[in-house]
């Protein structure tokens, strides 16, 4: 019978997640994991743990040969990268919850993981309590028809110490950068992904959504196109009330994974908060007893996919004044409502028209994707445009 490895942990950060983890580990001796030292910024602050446990010197953890696992749950992404890279170079396994740090440094972290061949686990960074990375790595390893993954992050101030990250969508964008790698082998920077948060969505948009039987959510979506490449973005989207993603509220996340063999699967759980995050960190610590590592199968064992911007999107746009809307950017406009104080249209445009311009993020303009937003059959686009031209509509 395989003996489990004894884990001696150096913990960075003792906020809600760090303290939660400390308490749970004390109550779970079967895990064979104990915290030897905790590194914190402010040593004067009173904490619910023995004083001897704490230090403000990171090297007490990173240079200690007895510590074989570094767990990092701080919200300074620059410091976190330094901690994680030093720990791996010093022969220590690493568990991290810092989605921004991972998203910003993905190529460097992948190179380090390959070079050191050490476990670097971060389930907590994707959707807290939902084991989505492990599922993409293990369950969908050989499902080569993998076609679509949807992530929802409508957390509105629940997730981060900075609520702006949620409303403006950066939290979802960082998760999405991480998940694209495990789903498709795509290594990208957050800046390469078409994205905006829900800060521009108006009350009138919610009313229109309701009339049409929809909800508005912030959705990260990735879909394999007919050209074999992948469309990926994080944008507000109309979600039909019958769709499981419409049930996602507050700090919950929903993930839909659609693949060739398994069809659609829906994961639902808390994507934020101290205990859900601590539970994901704990599951990674438990996996380290077996020396579990991500194999990055889509990146190293299959042909990695590439991002593509060659597709069209059907969008709803609401605005105060027509002068802010470049109508010539649209292939066609299906619906427009100009009577009300707040005007809106539904139309189709090429993805590059959004990537290369900012009009849809300015002047009180709100853009929301329609439910089946991606159109990548160019024949249909040309045919539709031609029939509208013949009819004299455009």
Protein backbone atom coordinates (compact mmCIF):
# COMPACT_ATOMS: atom_id res chain seq x y z
CA UNK A 1 0.00 0.00 0.00
CA UNK A 2 1.34 3.43 -0.99
CA UNK A 3 2.25 5.60 1.96
CA UNK A 4 1.08 9.18 1.81
CA UNK A 5 3.70 11.86 1.79
CA UNK A 6 3.97 13.96 4.96
CA UNK A 7 3.35 17.58 3.95
CA UNK A 8 5.13 20.35 5.85
CA UNK A 9 3.57 23.63 4.75
CA UNK A 10 4.86 27.18 4.59
CA UNK A 11 1.80 29.44 4.28
CA UNK A 12 1.84 32.95 2.81
CA UNK A 13 -1.15 35.01 3.94
CA UNK A 14 -3.37 34.68 7.00
CA UNK A 15 -6.52 36.49 5.91
CA UNK A 16 -9.90 34.77 5.72
CA UNK A 17 -8.62 31.98 3.43
CA UNK A 18 -5.31 31.43 5.24
CA UNK A 19 -6.92 31.33 8.67
CA UNK A 20 -9.71 29.07 7.39
CA UNK A 21 -7.10 26.68 6.04
CA UNK A 22 -5.15 26.70 9.32
CA UNK A 23 -8.31 25.77 11.27
CA UNK A 24 -9.31 23.00 8.86
CA UNK A 25 -5.83 21.44 8.84
CA UNK A 26 -5.79 21.37 12.64
CA UNK A 27 -9.06 19.43 12.53
CA UNK A 28 -7.95 17.02 9.79
CA UNK A 29 -4.97 14.95 11.06
CA UNK A 30 -5.69 12.25 8.43
CA UNK A 31 -4.38 14.65 5.77
CA UNK A 32 -0.85 14.34 7.15
CA UNK A 33 -0.33 18.03 6.49
CA UNK A 34 0.78 20.64 9.00
CA UNK A 35 1.67 24.32 8.79
CA UNK A 36 5.18 25.00 10.08
CA UNK A 37 5.38 28.75 9.43
CA UNK A 38 3.12 31.56 8.21
CA UNK A 39 4.52 34.64 6.47
CA UNK A 40 2.52 37.85 6.95
CA UNK A 41 3.06 41.56 6.31
CA UNK A 42 1.92 42.95 9.64
CA UNK A 43 3.39 41.07 12.62
CA UNK A 44 1.84 43.45 15.16
CA UNK A 45 -1.73 42.37 14.29
CA UNK A 46 -3.38 40.04 16.82
CA UNK A 47 -4.20 36.63 15.31
CA UNK A 48 -6.02 33.48 16.42
CA UNK A 49 -2.90 31.31 16.37
CA UNK A 50 0.35 30.98 18.37
CA UNK A 51 2.69 33.94 17.90
CA UNK A 52 5.66 31.65 17.15
CA UNK A 53 3.92 30.52 13.96
CA UNK A 54 4.31 33.92 12.27
CA UNK A 55 7.15 35.73 10.55
CA UNK A 56 7.49 38.63 8.15
CA UNK A 57 10.63 37.13 6.55
CA UNK A 58 9.68 35.16 3.41
CA UNK A 59 13.05 33.36 3.42
CA UNK A 60 12.20 31.60 6.69
CA UNK A 61 9.71 29.64 4.57
CA UNK A 62 11.36 29.59 1.14
CA UNK A 63 14.81 28.54 2.39
CA UNK A 64 13.66 26.01 5.01
CA UNK A 65 14.63 22.53 3.69
CA UNK A 66 12.01 20.87 5.91
CA UNK A 67 9.13 22.80 4.29
CA UNK A 68 8.14 20.84 1.16
CA UNK A 69 4.95 22.71 0.23
CA UNK A 70 4.36 26.44 -0.19
CA UNK A 71 0.72 27.57 -0.06
CA UNK A 72 0.19 31.12 -1.31
CA UNK A 73 -3.10 32.97 -0.61
CA UNK A 74 -2.15 36.65 -0.78
CA UNK A 75 -3.67 39.33 -3.02
CA UNK A 76 -0.47 40.99 -4.24
CA UNK A 77 0.13 39.35 -7.64
CA UNK A 78 3.71 40.64 -8.05
CA UNK A 79 4.80 39.33 -4.63
CA UNK A 80 2.89 36.08 -5.29
CA UNK A 81 4.83 35.42 -8.51
CA UNK A 82 8.14 35.96 -6.71
CA UNK A 83 7.07 33.53 -3.95
CA UNK A 84 5.82 30.84 -6.35
CA UNK A 85 8.82 30.98 -8.71
CA UNK A 86 11.34 30.94 -5.83
CA UNK A 87 9.53 28.02 -4.17
CA UNK A 88 9.57 25.91 -7.37
CA UNK A 89 13.26 26.68 -7.98
CA UNK A 90 13.95 25.61 -4.36
CA UNK A 91 12.35 22.20 -4.94
CA UNK A 92 9.03 22.85 -3.19
CA UNK A 93 5.55 21.95 -4.44
CA UNK A 94 3.22 24.95 -4.68
CA UNK A 95 -0.50 25.59 -4.18
CA UNK A 96 -1.80 29.03 -5.17
CA UNK A 97 -5.13 30.86 -5.16
CA UNK A 98 -3.91 33.97 -7.04
CA UNK A 99 -5.81 34.08 -10.34
CA UNK A 100 -4.32 37.43 -11.44
CA UNK A 101 -0.77 36.27 -10.77
CA UNK A 102 -1.30 33.06 -12.77
CA UNK A 103 -3.11 34.77 -15.66
CA UNK A 104 -0.44 37.49 -15.92
CA UNK A 105 2.50 35.07 -15.80
CA UNK A 106 1.19 31.92 -17.46
CA UNK A 107 4.06 31.33 -19.97
CA UNK A 108 6.74 31.81 -17.29
CA UNK A 109 4.90 29.56 -14.81
CA UNK A 110 4.43 26.81 -17.41
CA UNK A 111 8.15 26.97 -18.23
CA UNK A 112 9.07 26.73 -14.53
CA UNK A 113 6.71 23.83 -13.95
CA UNK A 114 8.24 21.98 -16.93
CA UNK A 115 11.80 22.75 -15.86
CA UNK A 116 11.35 21.70 -12.21
CA UNK A 117 8.76 18.92 -12.83
CA UNK A 118 7.16 19.88 -9.50
CA UNK A 119 3.43 20.10 -8.72
CA UNK A 120 1.98 23.60 -9.10
CA UNK A 121 -1.74 23.41 -8.32
CA UNK A 122 -4.30 26.23 -8.38
CA UNK A 123 -7.85 24.89 -8.44
CA UNK A 124 -8.86 27.74 -6.09
CA UNK A 125 -7.83 30.31 -8.72
CA UNK A 126 -10.38 29.19 -11.32
CA UNK A 127 -13.77 28.90 -9.62
CA UNK A 128 -13.06 28.36 -5.92
CA UNK A 129 -15.17 25.38 -4.85
CA UNK A 130 -15.90 24.05 -8.38
CA UNK A 131 -13.26 21.48 -9.44
CA UNK A 132 -13.21 22.65 -13.04
CA UNK A 133 -9.46 22.44 -13.76
CA UNK A 134 -9.24 18.86 -12.49
CA UNK A 135 -12.23 17.96 -14.67
CA UNK A 136 -10.74 19.53 -17.78
CA UNK A 137 -7.39 17.83 -17.09
CA UNK A 138 -8.70 14.36 -16.22
CA UNK A 139 -12.25 13.77 -17.40
CA UNK A 140 -11.93 15.52 -20.76
CA UNK A 141 -8.40 14.34 -21.50
CA UNK A 142 -9.23 12.44 -24.69
CA UNK A 143 -12.51 14.02 -25.65
CA UNK A 144 -11.02 15.51 -28.78
CA UNK A 145 -14.33 16.85 -30.04
CA UNK A 146 -14.31 19.31 -27.16
CA UNK A 147 -16.32 22.11 -28.63
CA UNK A 148 -17.44 24.65 -26.09
CA UNK A 149 -16.94 25.79 -22.53
CA UNK A 150 -18.87 28.50 -20.75
CA UNK A 151 -17.87 30.14 -17.53
CA UNK A 152 -20.02 32.50 -15.56
CA UNK A 153 -18.74 34.86 -12.93
CA UNK A 154 -21.43 37.15 -11.64
CA UNK A 155 -20.02 37.83 -8.25
CA UNK A 156 -20.54 41.56 -7.85
CA UNK A 157 -18.15 42.32 -5.03
CA UNK A 158 -18.22 38.91 -3.39
CA UNK A 159 -14.98 37.54 -4.76
CA UNK A 160 -12.16 39.91 -4.23
CA UNK A 161 -10.85 42.41 -1.71
CA UNK A 162 -11.46 44.88 -4.55
CA UNK A 163 -15.13 44.71 -5.74
CA UNK A 164 -14.19 46.68 -8.86
CA UNK A 165 -12.50 43.52 -10.14
CA UNK A 166 -15.86 41.76 -10.27
CA UNK A 167 -18.03 44.46 -11.79
CA UNK A 168 -15.42 45.39 -14.38
CA UNK A 169 -14.88 41.73 -15.18
CA UNK A 170 -11.14 41.39 -14.47
CA UNK A 171 -11.77 38.53 -12.07
CA UNK A 172 -13.64 36.57 -14.76
CA UNK A 173 -11.02 37.46 -17.37
CA UNK A 174 -8.18 36.07 -15.24
CA UNK A 175 -10.11 32.85 -14.63
CA UNK A 176 -10.82 32.57 -18.31
CA UNK A 177 -7.13 32.94 -19.25
CA UNK A 178 -6.34 30.03 -16.91
CA UNK A 179 -9.20 27.81 -18.12
CA UNK A 180 -8.42 28.33 -21.83
CA UNK A 181 -5.10 26.63 -21.20
CA UNK A 182 -6.63 23.55 -19.54
CA UNK A 183 -9.52 23.31 -22.03
CA UNK A 184 -7.70 24.01 -25.30
CA UNK A 185 -3.97 24.27 -24.64
CA UNK A 186 -4.16 27.99 -25.41
CA UNK A 187 -1.51 30.08 -23.66
CA UNK A 188 -2.65 33.68 -23.86
CA UNK A 189 -2.41 36.90 -21.91
CA UNK A 190 -5.57 38.53 -20.51
CA UNK A 191 -4.93 41.45 -22.88
CA UNK A 192 -5.46 39.15 -25.91
CA UNK A 193 -9.05 38.32 -25.00
CA UNK A 194 -12.05 40.41 -26.11
CA UNK A 195 -13.59 41.59 -22.86
CA UNK A 196 -15.62 44.01 -20.82
CA UNK A 197 -17.41 43.69 -17.48
CA UNK A 198 -20.96 44.63 -16.48
CA UNK A 199 -20.17 48.21 -15.44
CA UNK A 200 -21.94 49.67 -18.52
CA UNK A 201 -25.11 47.55 -18.30
CA UNK A 202 -28.12 49.80 -17.65
CA UNK A 203 -31.43 49.30 -15.90
CA UNK A 204 -33.17 49.66 -19.28
CA UNK A 205 -31.11 46.72 -20.60
CA UNK A 206 -32.44 44.54 -17.79
CA UNK A 207 -36.01 45.58 -18.73
CA UNK A 208 -35.43 44.65 -22.41
CA UNK A 209 -33.89 41.34 -21.29
CA UNK A 210 -36.92 40.56 -19.14
CA UNK A 211 -39.33 41.34 -22.01
CA UNK A 212 -37.45 38.87 -24.18
CA UNK A 213 -37.32 36.17 -21.47
CA UNK A 214 -33.64 36.62 -20.71
CA UNK A 215 -31.32 37.44 -17.83
CA UNK A 216 -28.02 39.32 -18.24
CA UNK A 217 -24.88 37.61 -16.95
CA UNK A 218 -21.17 38.09 -17.39
CA UNK A 219 -20.10 35.09 -19.46
CA UNK A 220 -16.72 33.77 -20.44
CA UNK A 221 -17.17 31.72 -23.54
CA UNK A 222 -14.84 29.67 -25.73
CA UNK A 223 -16.02 27.83 -28.81
CA UNK A 224 -14.26 25.85 -31.48
CA UNK A 225 -14.93 27.42 -34.87
CA UNK A 226 -15.31 25.70 -38.25
CA UNK A 227 -11.72 26.68 -39.10
CA UNK A 228 -10.49 24.60 -36.14
CA UNK A 229 -9.42 27.64 -34.13
CA UNK A 230 -11.13 28.97 -30.97
CA UNK A 231 -13.23 32.08 -30.36
CA UNK A 232 -12.88 33.28 -26.76
CA UNK A 233 -14.21 36.31 -24.89
CA UNK A 234 -15.63 37.57 -21.60
CA UNK A 235 -18.69 39.77 -22.19
CA UNK A 236 -22.17 40.46 -20.79
CA UNK A 237 -24.69 38.15 -22.47
CA UNK A 238 -28.43 37.54 -22.59
CA UNK A 239 -29.09 34.13 -21.04
CA UNK A 240 -32.50 32.44 -21.54
CA UNK A 241 -34.31 31.89 -18.23
CA UNK A 242 -34.44 28.16 -19.03
CA UNK A 243 -30.62 27.99 -19.22
CA UNK A 244 -28.86 26.64 -16.11
CA UNK A 245 -26.53 29.65 -16.21
CA UNK A 246 -29.46 31.98 -15.49
CA UNK A 247 -29.73 30.44 -12.00
CA UNK A 248 -26.25 31.66 -11.07
CA UNK A 249 -26.49 34.46 -8.53
CA UNK A 250 -24.28 36.37 -6.10
CA UNK A 251 -21.04 34.60 -5.26
CA UNK A 252 -21.96 31.46 -7.16
CA UNK A 253 -20.35 30.44 -10.46
CA UNK A 254 -21.74 28.15 -13.12
CA UNK A 255 -19.67 26.34 -15.71
CA UNK A 256 -21.03 24.53 -18.74
CA UNK A 257 -18.68 22.17 -20.53
CA UNK A 258 -19.90 20.89 -23.87
CA UNK A 259 -17.97 18.13 -25.60
CA UNK A 260 -18.30 15.50 -28.30
CA UNK A 261 -18.95 12.46 -26.14
CA UNK A 262 -20.24 13.84 -22.85
CA UNK A 263 -22.53 16.47 -24.43
CA UNK A 264 -23.35 19.22 -21.89
CA UNK A 265 -22.40 19.20 -18.23
CA UNK A 266 -23.22 21.93 -15.74
CA UNK A 267 -21.14 22.65 -12.64
CA UNK A 268 -22.48 24.99 -9.98
CA UNK A 269 -20.90 26.15 -6.75
CA UNK A 270 -19.51 29.03 -4.78
CA UNK A 271 -16.85 30.78 -6.84
CA UNK A 272 -15.79 33.10 -4.05
CA UNK A 273 -15.57 33.47 -0.30
CA UNK A 274 -13.18 32.22 2.35
CA UNK A 275 -14.45 28.66 2.89
CA UNK A 276 -15.09 27.77 -0.78
CA UNK A 277 -11.58 29.04 -1.63
CA UNK A 278 -10.05 27.23 1.36
CA UNK A 279 -11.86 24.02 0.32
CA UNK A 280 -10.25 24.18 -3.14
CA UNK A 281 -6.80 24.85 -1.61
CA UNK A 282 -7.40 21.90 0.71
CA UNK A 283 -8.27 19.60 -2.21
CA UNK A 284 -4.97 20.59 -3.87
CA UNK A 285 -3.05 19.90 -0.65
CA UNK A 286 -4.74 16.48 -0.43
CA UNK A 287 -3.73 15.74 -4.04
CA UNK A 288 -0.09 16.53 -3.24
CA UNK A 289 0.03 13.48 -0.97
CA UNK A 290 -0.04 11.46 -4.20
CA UNK A 291 2.35 13.89 -5.92
CA UNK A 292 -0.45 14.90 -8.30
CA UNK A 293 0.55 17.34 -11.08
CA UNK A 294 -1.32 18.98 -13.95
CA UNK A 295 -0.07 17.36 -17.14
CA UNK A 296 -1.38 20.16 -19.38
CA UNK A 297 -2.52 17.47 -21.77
CA UNK A 298 -4.16 19.79 -24.31
CA UNK A 299 -0.92 21.79 -24.49
CA UNK A 300 1.71 19.05 -24.52
CA UNK A 301 -0.01 15.82 -25.60
CA UNK A 302 -2.41 17.11 -28.26
CA UNK A 303 -2.08 19.79 -30.89
CA UNK A 304 -2.79 23.03 -28.98
CA UNK A 305 -5.55 25.22 -30.37
CA UNK A 306 -5.11 28.81 -31.49
CA UNK A 307 -7.28 31.81 -30.76
CA UNK A 308 -9.08 33.30 -33.76
CA UNK A 309 -10.79 36.65 -34.28
CA UNK A 310 -12.34 35.61 -37.58
CA UNK A 311 -16.00 35.32 -36.66
CA UNK A 312 -19.11 37.47 -36.32
CA UNK A 313 -21.13 38.33 -33.23
CA UNK A 314 -24.80 39.14 -32.89
CA UNK A 315 -25.07 41.90 -30.30
CA UNK A 316 -27.56 44.12 -28.52
CA UNK A 317 -26.31 47.69 -28.13
CA UNK A 318 -28.08 50.40 -26.11
CA UNK A 319 -27.05 54.06 -26.25
CA UNK A 320 -28.12 57.67 -25.68
CA UNK A 321 -27.38 59.05 -29.15
CA UNK A 322 -27.00 57.55 -32.65
CA UNK A 323 -23.92 59.73 -33.27
CA UNK A 324 -21.86 57.44 -31.00
CA UNK A 325 -22.71 54.29 -32.99
CA UNK A 326 -20.70 53.50 -36.15
CA UNK A 327 -23.54 51.97 -38.16
CA UNK A 328 -21.16 51.18 -41.02
CA UNK A 329 -19.39 48.63 -38.75
CA UNK A 330 -22.47 46.39 -38.75
CA UNK A 331 -23.04 43.75 -41.44
CA UNK A 332 -26.72 44.25 -40.82
CA UNK A 333 -29.11 45.53 -38.14
CA UNK A 334 -32.10 43.32 -37.33
CA UNK A 335 -33.92 45.46 -34.81
CA UNK A 336 -33.73 49.08 -33.78
CA UNK A 337 -35.74 51.06 -31.26
CA UNK A 338 -35.21 54.78 -31.51
CA UNK A 339 -38.33 56.16 -29.82
CA UNK A 340 -37.40 55.83 -26.17
CA UNK A 341 -34.93 58.05 -24.35
CA UNK A 342 -32.59 55.06 -24.27
CA UNK A 343 -32.22 53.69 -27.80
CA UNK A 344 -31.12 50.20 -28.76
CA UNK A 345 -30.39 47.97 -31.73
CA UNK A 346 -29.66 44.31 -32.40
CA UNK A 347 -27.18 43.65 -35.18
CA UNK A 348 -24.28 41.58 -36.47
CA UNK A 349 -20.68 42.71 -36.73
CA UNK A 350 -17.24 41.17 -37.15
CA UNK A 351 -15.34 40.48 -33.93
CA UNK A 352 -12.45 42.72 -35.12
CA UNK A 353 -14.80 45.72 -35.16
CA UNK A 354 -14.98 45.38 -31.36
CA UNK A 355 -11.33 44.46 -30.81
CA UNK A 356 -10.02 47.43 -32.80
CA UNK A 357 -12.48 50.06 -31.50
CA UNK A 358 -13.68 51.39 -28.17
CA UNK A 359 -17.00 53.02 -29.05
CA UNK A 360 -18.92 50.17 -27.37
CA UNK A 361 -17.28 50.90 -24.01
CA UNK A 362 -17.70 54.71 -24.09
CA UNK A 363 -20.35 57.46 -23.94
CA UNK A 364 -22.75 55.48 -21.75
CA UNK A 365 -22.97 52.75 -24.42
CA UNK A 366 -23.84 49.21 -23.32
CA UNK A 367 -23.13 46.05 -25.35
CA UNK A 368 -24.67 42.67 -24.51
CA UNK A 369 -24.29 39.51 -26.59
CA UNK A 370 -27.42 37.69 -27.78
CA UNK A 371 -27.83 34.06 -26.57
CA UNK A 372 -26.35 32.35 -29.66
CA UNK A 373 -23.96 35.16 -30.43
CA UNK A 374 -21.20 33.47 -32.46
CA UNK A 375 -21.72 33.23 -36.21
CA UNK A 376 -18.77 31.63 -37.97
CA UNK A 377 -20.41 30.35 -41.13
CA UNK A 378 -19.35 33.10 -43.51
CA UNK A 379 -21.64 31.78 -46.28
CA UNK A 380 -24.65 32.46 -44.05
CA UNK A 381 -23.37 35.97 -43.30
CA UNK A 382 -22.90 36.78 -46.98
CA UNK A 383 -26.22 35.20 -47.98
CA UNK A 384 -28.13 37.11 -45.29
CA UNK A 385 -26.44 40.37 -46.22
CA UNK A 386 -27.19 39.82 -49.91
CA UNK A 387 -30.88 39.10 -49.26
CA UNK A 388 -31.20 42.22 -47.09
CA UNK A 389 -29.54 44.31 -49.83
CA UNK A 390 -31.94 42.91 -52.44
CA UNK A 391 -34.85 43.71 -50.17
CA UNK A 392 -33.56 47.27 -49.85
CA UNK A 393 -33.22 46.99 -46.06
CA UNK A 394 -29.49 47.90 -46.04
